[in-house]
C-alpha atoms as a PDB file:
ATOM      1  CA  UNK A   1       0.000   0.000   0.000  1.00  0.00           C
ATOM      2  CA  UNK A   2       2.787   2.436   0.901  1.00  0.00           C
ATOM      3  CA  UNK A   3       4.534   1.818  -2.418  1.00  0.00           C
ATOM      4  CA  UNK A   4       1.636   3.322  -4.345  1.00  0.00           C
ATOM      5  CA  UNK A   5       1.890   6.554  -2.397  1.00  0.00           C
ATOM      6  CA  UNK A   6       5.677   6.696  -2.702  1.00  0.00           C
ATOM      7  CA  UNK A   7       5.682   5.881  -6.423  1.00  0.00           C
ATOM      8  CA  UNK A   8       3.271   8.737  -7.043  1.00  0.00           C
ATOM      9  CA  UNK A   9       5.373  11.143  -4.963  1.00  0.00           C
ATOM     10  CA  UNK A  10       2.692  11.466  -2.303  1.00  0.00           C
ATOM     11  CA  UNK A  11       3.217  11.302   1.451  1.00  0.00           C
ATOM     12  CA  UNK A  12       2.324   7.982   3.031  1.00  0.00           C
ATOM     13  CA  UNK A  13      -0.551   8.572   5.478  1.00  0.00           C
ATOM     14  CA  UNK A  14       0.375   8.359   9.161  1.00  0.00           C
ATOM     15  CA  UNK A  15      -2.158   5.607   9.763  1.00  0.00           C
ATOM     16  CA  UNK A  16      -0.436   3.379   7.223  1.00  0.00           C
ATOM     17  CA  UNK A  17       3.030   4.153   8.566  1.00  0.00           C
ATOM     18  CA  UNK A  18       1.918   3.333  12.095  1.00  0.00           C
ATOM     19  CA  UNK A  19       0.399   0.045  10.922  1.00  0.00           C
ATOM     20  CA  UNK A  20       3.629  -0.883   9.110  1.00  0.00           C
ATOM     21  CA  UNK A  21       5.756  -0.071  12.166  1.00  0.00           C
ATOM     22  CA  UNK A  22       3.442  -1.945  14.536  1.00  0.00           C
ATOM     23  CA  UNK A  23       3.536  -4.980  12.238  1.00  0.00           C
ATOM     24  CA  UNK A  24       7.323  -4.907  11.955  1.00  0.00           C
ATOM     25  CA  UNK A  25       7.718  -4.670  15.725  1.00  0.00           C
ATOM     26  CA  UNK A  26       5.867  -7.982  16.129  1.00  0.00           C
ATOM     27  CA  UNK A  27       8.494  -9.925  14.132  1.00  0.00           C
ATOM     28  CA  UNK A  28      10.709 -12.397  15.965  1.00  0.00           C
ATOM     29  CA  UNK A  29      14.018 -10.758  15.021  1.00  0.00           C
ATOM     30  CA  UNK A  30      12.882  -7.427  16.455  1.00  0.00           C
ATOM     31  CA  UNK A  31      11.578  -9.061  19.610  1.00  0.00           C
ATOM     32  CA  UNK A  32      14.878 -10.891  20.024  1.00  0.00           C
ATOM     33  CA  UNK A  33      17.368  -8.161  19.102  1.00  0.00           C
ATOM     34  CA  UNK A  34      15.434  -4.902  19.328  1.00  0.00           C
ATOM     35  CA  UNK A  35      15.461  -2.165  16.709  1.00  0.00           C
ATOM     36  CA  UNK A  36      16.197   1.468  16.016  1.00  0.00           C
ATOM     37  CA  UNK A  37      13.333   3.656  14.830  1.00  0.00           C
ATOM     38  CA  UNK A  38      15.070   6.325  12.770  1.00  0.00           C
ATOM     39  CA  UNK A  39      12.785   9.312  12.291  1.00  0.00           C
ATOM     40  CA  UNK A  40       9.724   7.679  13.815  1.00  0.00           C
ATOM     41  CA  UNK A  41       7.486   9.009  15.156  1.00  0.00           C
ATOM     42  CA  UNK A  42       7.606  12.186  13.085  1.00  0.00           C
ATOM     43  CA  UNK A  43       4.230  13.610  14.037  1.00  0.00           C
ATOM     44  CA  UNK A  44       2.127  13.840  17.214  1.00  0.00           C
ATOM     45  CA  UNK A  45      -0.506  11.478  15.811  1.00  0.00           C
ATOM     46  CA  UNK A  46       2.175   8.834  15.204  1.00  0.00           C
ATOM     47  CA  UNK A  47       3.461   9.229  18.772  1.00  0.00           C
ATOM     48  CA  UNK A  48      -0.078   8.930  20.115  1.00  0.00           C
ATOM     49  CA  UNK A  49      -0.661   5.808  18.008  1.00  0.00           C
ATOM     50  CA  UNK A  50       2.434   4.256  19.610  1.00  0.00           C
ATOM     51  CA  UNK A  51       1.052   5.007  23.061  1.00  0.00           C
ATOM     52  CA  UNK A  52      -2.378   3.657  22.105  1.00  0.00           C
ATOM     53  CA  UNK A  53      -0.773   0.446  20.790  1.00  0.00           C
ATOM     54  CA  UNK A  54       1.153   0.004  24.031  1.00  0.00           C
ATOM     55  CA  UNK A  55       4.531   0.342  22.308  1.00  0.00           C
ATOM     56  CA  UNK A  56       7.205   1.141  24.858  1.00  0.00           C
ATOM     57  CA  UNK A  57      10.480   2.894  24.068  1.00  0.00           C
ATOM     58  CA  UNK A  58      13.459   1.903  26.197  1.00  0.00           C
ATOM     59  CA  UNK A  59      15.900   4.585  25.061  1.00  0.00           C
ATOM     60  CA  UNK A  60      16.098   7.709  22.977  1.00  0.00           C
ATOM     61  CA  UNK A  61      19.182   8.742  21.088  1.00  0.00           C
ATOM     62  CA  UNK A  62      19.645  12.445  20.451  1.00  0.00           C
ATOM     63  CA  UNK A  63      22.437  13.448  18.120  1.00  0.00           C
ATOM     64  CA  UNK A  64      23.294  17.134  18.292  1.00  0.00           C
ATOM     65  CA  UNK A  65      24.475  18.489  14.957  1.00  0.00           C
ATOM     66  CA  UNK A  66      25.058  22.145  14.080  1.00  0.00           C
ATOM     67  CA  UNK A  67      22.442  23.581  11.728  1.00  0.00           C
ATOM     68  CA  UNK A  68      25.051  24.495   9.107  1.00  0.00           C
ATOM     69  CA  UNK A  69      26.204  20.872   8.972  1.00  0.00           C
ATOM     70  CA  UNK A  70      22.654  19.654   8.414  1.00  0.00           C
ATOM     71  CA  UNK A  71      22.117  22.207   5.660  1.00  0.00           C
ATOM     72  CA  UNK A  72      25.392  21.230   3.983  1.00  0.00           C
ATOM     73  CA  UNK A  73      24.552  17.534   4.132  1.00  0.00           C
ATOM     74  CA  UNK A  74      20.979  17.990   2.950  1.00  0.00           C
ATOM     75  CA  UNK A  75      21.559  20.551   0.206  1.00  0.00           C
ATOM     76  CA  UNK A  76      24.437  18.627  -1.314  1.00  0.00           C
ATOM     77  CA  UNK A  77      22.406  15.483  -1.970  1.00  0.00           C
ATOM     78  CA  UNK A  78      21.533  14.681  -5.548  1.00  0.00           C
ATOM     79  CA  UNK A  79      19.667  11.999  -7.468  1.00  0.00           C
ATOM     80  CA  UNK A  80      20.973  10.952 -10.862  1.00  0.00           C
ATOM     81  CA  UNK A  81      17.869  10.967 -13.098  1.00  0.00           C
ATOM     82  CA  UNK A  82      19.307   8.331 -15.414  1.00  0.00           C
ATOM     83  CA  UNK A  83      20.633   5.789 -12.913  1.00  0.00           C
ATOM     84  CA  UNK A  84      18.561   6.616  -9.832  1.00  0.00           C
ATOM     85  CA  UNK A  85      21.788   6.756  -7.812  1.00  0.00           C
ATOM     86  CA  UNK A  86      21.761   9.063  -4.799  1.00  0.00           C
ATOM     87  CA  UNK A  87      25.044  10.841  -4.189  1.00  0.00           C
ATOM     88  CA  UNK A  88      26.485  13.885  -2.451  1.00  0.00           C
ATOM     89  CA  UNK A  89      28.389  16.681  -4.159  1.00  0.00           C
ATOM     90  CA  UNK A  90      31.012  16.860  -1.396  1.00  0.00           C
ATOM     91  CA  UNK A  91      30.839  13.553   0.481  1.00  0.00           C
ATOM     92  CA  UNK A  92      31.342  10.446  -1.629  1.00  0.00           C
END
């Protein structure tokens, strides 16, 4: 379901993202080893859905990065329209 949204360039609805995350968290490898949720939740409704589903977070990781570094990293990213390769102008 998410692929259709992504292929069309649309945002995947929060409800679908939450369902995908909840499903993934039920898998044996995640239960055994744990996981890292990178960029999730991104919105208050996603955080509330985690609470409603009884999903508990053991730790948070906060990485402090200067704004200028984030801008440099983000603005230098490119996508080759012919190959689909994602690359960075400065960082290879």
